N, C-alpha and C. Protein backbone atom coordinates (compact mmCIF):
# COMPACT_ATOMS: atom_id res chain seq x y z
N MET A 1 -16.10 3.22 -1.73
CA MET A 1 -15.95 1.62 -1.24
C MET A 1 -17.26 2.52 -0.84
N GLN A 2 -17.74 2.95 0.18
CA GLN A 2 -19.05 2.68 0.49
C GLN A 2 -20.05 3.15 -0.42
N LEU A 3 -19.40 3.16 -1.27
CA LEU A 3 -21.39 3.75 -1.98
C LEU A 3 -21.17 2.11 -3.10
N ASN A 4 -20.22 1.69 -3.63
CA ASN A 4 -18.95 1.17 -4.33
C ASN A 4 -19.70 0.03 -4.09
N ARG A 5 -19.77 -0.49 -2.97
CA ARG A 5 -19.93 -1.99 -2.26
C ARG A 5 -20.69 -1.79 -0.47
N SER A 6 -21.62 -0.48 -0.51
CA SER A 6 -21.55 -0.20 0.67
C SER A 6 -21.19 -1.17 1.88
N MET A 7 -19.86 0.23 1.92
CA MET A 7 -18.76 -0.37 3.37
C MET A 7 -19.27 0.37 3.88
N ARG A 8 -19.25 0.47 5.60
CA ARG A 8 -18.58 1.34 6.67
C ARG A 8 -17.35 2.11 6.04
N ILE A 9 -17.36 2.58 6.37
CA ILE A 9 -15.41 4.60 6.55
C ILE A 9 -14.33 3.13 6.59
N ASP A 10 -15.01 2.36 8.11
CA ASP A 10 -13.40 1.62 8.46
C ASP A 10 -12.42 0.64 7.59
N ALA A 11 -14.15 -0.62 7.33
CA ALA A 11 -13.94 -1.74 5.91
C ALA A 11 -13.70 -0.89 5.11
N ALA A 12 -14.22 0.16 4.22
CA ALA A 12 -13.74 0.86 3.46
C ALA A 12 -11.88 1.49 3.52
N LYS A 13 -11.68 2.47 3.90
CA LYS A 13 -10.40 2.37 4.29
C LYS A 13 -9.64 -0.01 4.39
N LYS A 14 -9.80 -0.11 4.48
CA LYS A 14 -8.88 -1.49 5.05
C LYS A 14 -9.61 -2.39 3.63
N TYR A 15 -10.24 -2.25 3.11
CA TYR A 15 -9.85 -2.81 1.82
C TYR A 15 -9.41 -1.85 0.62
N VAL A 16 -8.73 -0.46 0.48
CA VAL A 16 -8.78 0.38 -0.26
C VAL A 16 -6.98 0.04 -0.09
N ALA A 17 -7.13 -0.16 1.55
CA ALA A 17 -5.18 -0.33 1.82
C ALA A 17 -4.68 -1.58 1.29
N GLU A 18 -5.61 -2.16 1.37
CA GLU A 18 -5.10 -3.82 1.37
C GLU A 18 -5.15 -3.58 0.27
N ARG A 19 -5.92 -3.78 -1.25
CA ARG A 19 -5.34 -2.91 -2.19
C ARG A 19 -4.72 -2.43 -2.85
N LEU A 20 -3.76 -1.16 -2.12
CA LEU A 20 -2.84 0.12 -2.48
C LEU A 20 -2.14 -1.07 -2.11
N SER A 21 -1.49 -2.04 -1.54
CA SER A 21 -0.26 -2.85 -0.23
C SER A 21 -0.10 -1.59 0.55
N VAL A 22 -0.49 -0.84 1.51
CA VAL A 22 -0.47 0.00 1.87
C VAL A 22 -1.20 -0.12 3.47
N SER A 23 -0.66 1.02 4.78
CA SER A 23 -1.64 0.27 5.64
C SER A 23 -2.50 1.24 5.70
N VAL A 24 -3.71 0.44 6.72
CA VAL A 24 -4.13 2.53 6.65
C VAL A 24 -4.17 3.37 6.61
N ALA A 25 -3.08 4.39 8.23
CA ALA A 25 -3.17 4.94 8.13
C ALA A 25 -2.40 5.83 7.43
N ASP A 26 -1.89 5.03 5.78
CA ASP A 26 -0.56 5.59 4.85
C ASP A 26 -1.46 5.90 3.73
N ILE A 27 -3.09 6.10 3.91
CA ILE A 27 -3.60 6.30 2.89
C ILE A 27 -4.29 7.83 3.47
N ALA A 28 -4.42 8.28 4.38
CA ALA A 28 -4.02 9.80 5.25
C ALA A 28 -2.94 10.63 4.55
N ASP A 29 -2.09 9.84 4.27
CA ASP A 29 -0.40 10.79 4.48
C ASP A 29 -0.42 10.91 2.33
N ALA A 30 -0.60 12.00 2.32
CA ALA A 30 -0.28 12.41 0.95
C ALA A 30 0.93 12.15 0.25
N VAL A 31 2.45 12.48 0.82
CA VAL A 31 3.39 12.20 0.21
C VAL A 31 2.78 10.51 0.04
N ILE A 32 3.04 9.59 1.11
CA ILE A 32 2.83 8.68 0.73
C ILE A 32 1.78 7.87 -0.18
N MET A 33 0.65 8.62 -0.70
CA MET A 33 0.01 8.11 -1.26
C MET A 33 0.52 9.24 -2.88
N SER A 34 0.92 10.08 -2.97
CA SER A 34 1.37 10.53 -4.02
C SER A 34 2.13 10.17 -4.97
N GLU A 35 3.32 8.95 -3.53
CA GLU A 35 4.68 7.91 -4.64
C GLU A 35 3.68 6.96 -4.94
N VAL A 36 2.05 6.01 -4.08
CA VAL A 36 1.87 5.51 -4.77
C VAL A 36 1.06 5.45 -6.07
N ARG A 37 0.13 6.28 -6.50
CA ARG A 37 -0.23 6.73 -6.79
C ARG A 37 0.27 7.01 -7.85
N GLU A 38 2.34 7.70 -7.91
CA GLU A 38 2.98 7.29 -8.91
C GLU A 38 3.19 5.95 -9.54
N ASP A 39 3.10 5.44 -8.62
CA ASP A 39 3.70 3.87 -8.84
C ASP A 39 2.88 2.77 -9.38
N LEU A 40 1.88 3.38 -9.28
CA LEU A 40 0.70 2.21 -10.03
C LEU A 40 0.71 3.21 -10.89
N ASN A 41 0.49 4.18 -11.84
CA ASN A 41 -0.32 5.09 -12.54
C ASN A 41 -1.55 5.08 -12.32
N LEU A 42 -2.19 5.56 -11.30
CA LEU A 42 -3.17 5.96 -11.06
C LEU A 42 -3.31 7.34 -11.20
N GLY A 43 -2.43 8.35 -11.37
CA GLY A 43 -3.02 9.69 -11.62
C GLY A 43 -2.78 11.06 -10.42
N GLN A 44 -3.08 12.06 -10.32
CA GLN A 44 -2.40 12.89 -9.09
C GLN A 44 -3.25 13.85 -8.78
N VAL A 45 -3.25 14.35 -8.28
CA VAL A 45 -3.83 15.44 -7.84
C VAL A 45 -3.51 17.21 -8.11
N PHE A 46 -2.47 17.03 -8.83
CA PHE A 46 -2.01 17.71 -9.63
C PHE A 46 -1.31 17.44 -10.74
N GLU A 47 -1.17 17.75 -11.90
CA GLU A 47 -1.00 16.69 -13.01
C GLU A 47 0.19 16.82 -13.30
N SER A 48 1.31 15.87 -13.71
CA SER A 48 2.24 16.09 -14.51
C SER A 48 1.65 15.24 -15.77
N PRO A 49 3.49 15.48 -16.55
CA PRO A 49 3.57 15.26 -17.52
C PRO A 49 4.40 13.27 -17.57
N GLY A 50 3.31 12.56 -18.48
CA GLY A 50 3.17 11.98 -18.53
C GLY A 50 2.58 10.11 -17.11
N ILE A 51 2.21 11.65 -16.28
CA ILE A 51 1.09 10.20 -15.20
C ILE A 51 0.36 10.42 -15.74
N ALA A 52 -1.41 9.86 -16.14
CA ALA A 52 -2.42 9.17 -16.48
C ALA A 52 -3.25 10.34 -15.87
N LYS A 53 -4.61 10.55 -16.67
CA LYS A 53 -4.99 11.64 -16.91
C LYS A 53 -6.74 10.91 -16.74
N GLY A 54 -7.14 12.23 -17.20
CA GLY A 54 -8.58 11.39 -17.06
C GLY A 54 -9.16 10.27 -16.88
N ILE A 55 -9.55 9.48 -18.14
CA ILE A 55 -10.29 8.07 -18.91
C ILE A 55 -9.49 6.94 -17.76
N ASP A 56 -8.19 7.64 -18.07
CA ASP A 56 -6.89 6.11 -18.57
C ASP A 56 -7.37 6.81 -17.01
N ALA A 57 -6.84 7.28 -16.52
CA ALA A 57 -6.63 6.93 -14.80
C ALA A 57 -7.62 6.67 -13.60
N LYS A 58 -9.11 6.45 -14.50
CA LYS A 58 -10.09 6.07 -13.61
C LYS A 58 -9.96 4.92 -14.10
N PHE A 59 -9.34 4.18 -15.52
CA PHE A 59 -9.45 2.51 -15.62
C PHE A 59 -8.37 1.61 -15.07
N ARG A 60 -7.04 2.36 -14.52
CA ARG A 60 -6.16 2.25 -13.63
C ARG A 60 -7.12 1.76 -12.12
N ILE A 61 -7.95 3.55 -11.67
CA ILE A 61 -9.01 3.48 -10.35
C ILE A 61 -9.40 1.68 -10.01
N ALA A 62 -9.61 1.82 -11.17
CA ALA A 62 -11.27 0.88 -10.96
C ALA A 62 -10.81 -1.11 -11.26
N GLN A 63 -9.57 -0.55 -12.17
CA GLN A 63 -8.60 -2.04 -12.20
C GLN A 63 -8.05 -2.39 -10.69
N VAL A 64 -6.95 -1.52 -10.33
CA VAL A 64 -6.62 -1.36 -9.43
C VAL A 64 -7.75 -2.38 -7.57
N LEU A 65 -8.16 -1.14 -7.59
CA LEU A 65 -9.32 -1.22 -6.66
C LEU A 65 -10.51 -2.63 -7.37
N GLY A 66 -10.08 -3.26 -8.09
CA GLY A 66 -11.21 -3.94 -8.76
C GLY A 66 -12.98 -4.05 -7.96
N ILE A 67 -12.88 -2.84 -9.14
CA ILE A 67 -14.70 -1.71 -8.77
C ILE A 67 -14.86 -2.20 -10.25
N ASN A 68 -16.66 -1.75 -10.01
CA ASN A 68 -16.73 -1.31 -11.60
C ASN A 68 -17.08 1.14 -11.53
N ILE A 69 -16.63 1.27 -12.36
CA ILE A 69 -16.48 3.17 -12.04
C ILE A 69 -17.92 3.31 -13.20
N ASN A 70 -18.17 3.74 -13.19
CA ASN A 70 -20.14 4.12 -14.25
C ASN A 70 -19.70 4.45 -15.77
N SER A 71 -18.40 5.77 -15.21
CA SER A 71 -18.03 6.18 -16.37
C SER A 71 -17.05 5.34 -17.70
N VAL A 72 -16.58 4.32 -16.41
CA VAL A 72 -15.15 3.36 -16.61
C VAL A 72 -16.25 2.51 -17.82
N ASP A 73 -17.13 2.06 -17.33
CA ASP A 73 -18.02 1.25 -18.04
C ASP A 73 -19.09 1.91 -19.46
N LEU A 74 -19.83 3.01 -19.16
CA LEU A 74 -19.95 3.81 -20.00
C LEU A 74 -19.44 3.82 -21.25
N PHE A 75 -18.04 3.89 -21.16
CA PHE A 75 -17.11 4.45 -22.49
C PHE A 75 -16.40 2.85 -22.42
N LYS A 76 -16.44 1.97 -22.15
CA LYS A 76 -16.50 0.43 -22.11
C LYS A 76 -17.17 -0.51 -23.63
N LYS A 77 -18.72 0.88 -22.95
CA LYS A 77 -20.01 0.12 -24.04
C LYS A 77 -19.95 0.34 -25.04
N ARG A 78 -19.79 2.09 -24.82
CA ARG A 78 -19.66 2.42 -26.52
C ARG A 78 -18.70 2.18 -27.00
N VAL A 79 -17.27 2.24 -27.19
CA VAL A 79 -15.95 1.82 -28.12
C VAL A 79 -16.59 0.47 -28.27
N GLY A 80 -17.81 -1.08 -27.06
CA GLY A 80 -16.92 -2.12 -28.06
C GLY A 80 -15.83 -2.56 -26.34
N LEU A 81 -16.10 -2.71 -26.45
CA LEU A 81 -15.18 -3.44 -24.86
C LEU A 81 -15.44 -4.09 -24.28
């Protein structure tokens, strides 16, 4: 968010926390974020069966956070979406 929307770190954390429906403090909690990523199917740090991977996870992250991700935009362009 810092680079994508030119936000300062505190504003970026607040934005992400609001979009994920968690507190700013929860973003730093690995257990809570693992549950959030699993619930929203955003992918995991460690690969698990049935969890989004690669470009699928990036698509979901872009959608949930309401941002543009270059690799997602390029993929959509190449497949005509």
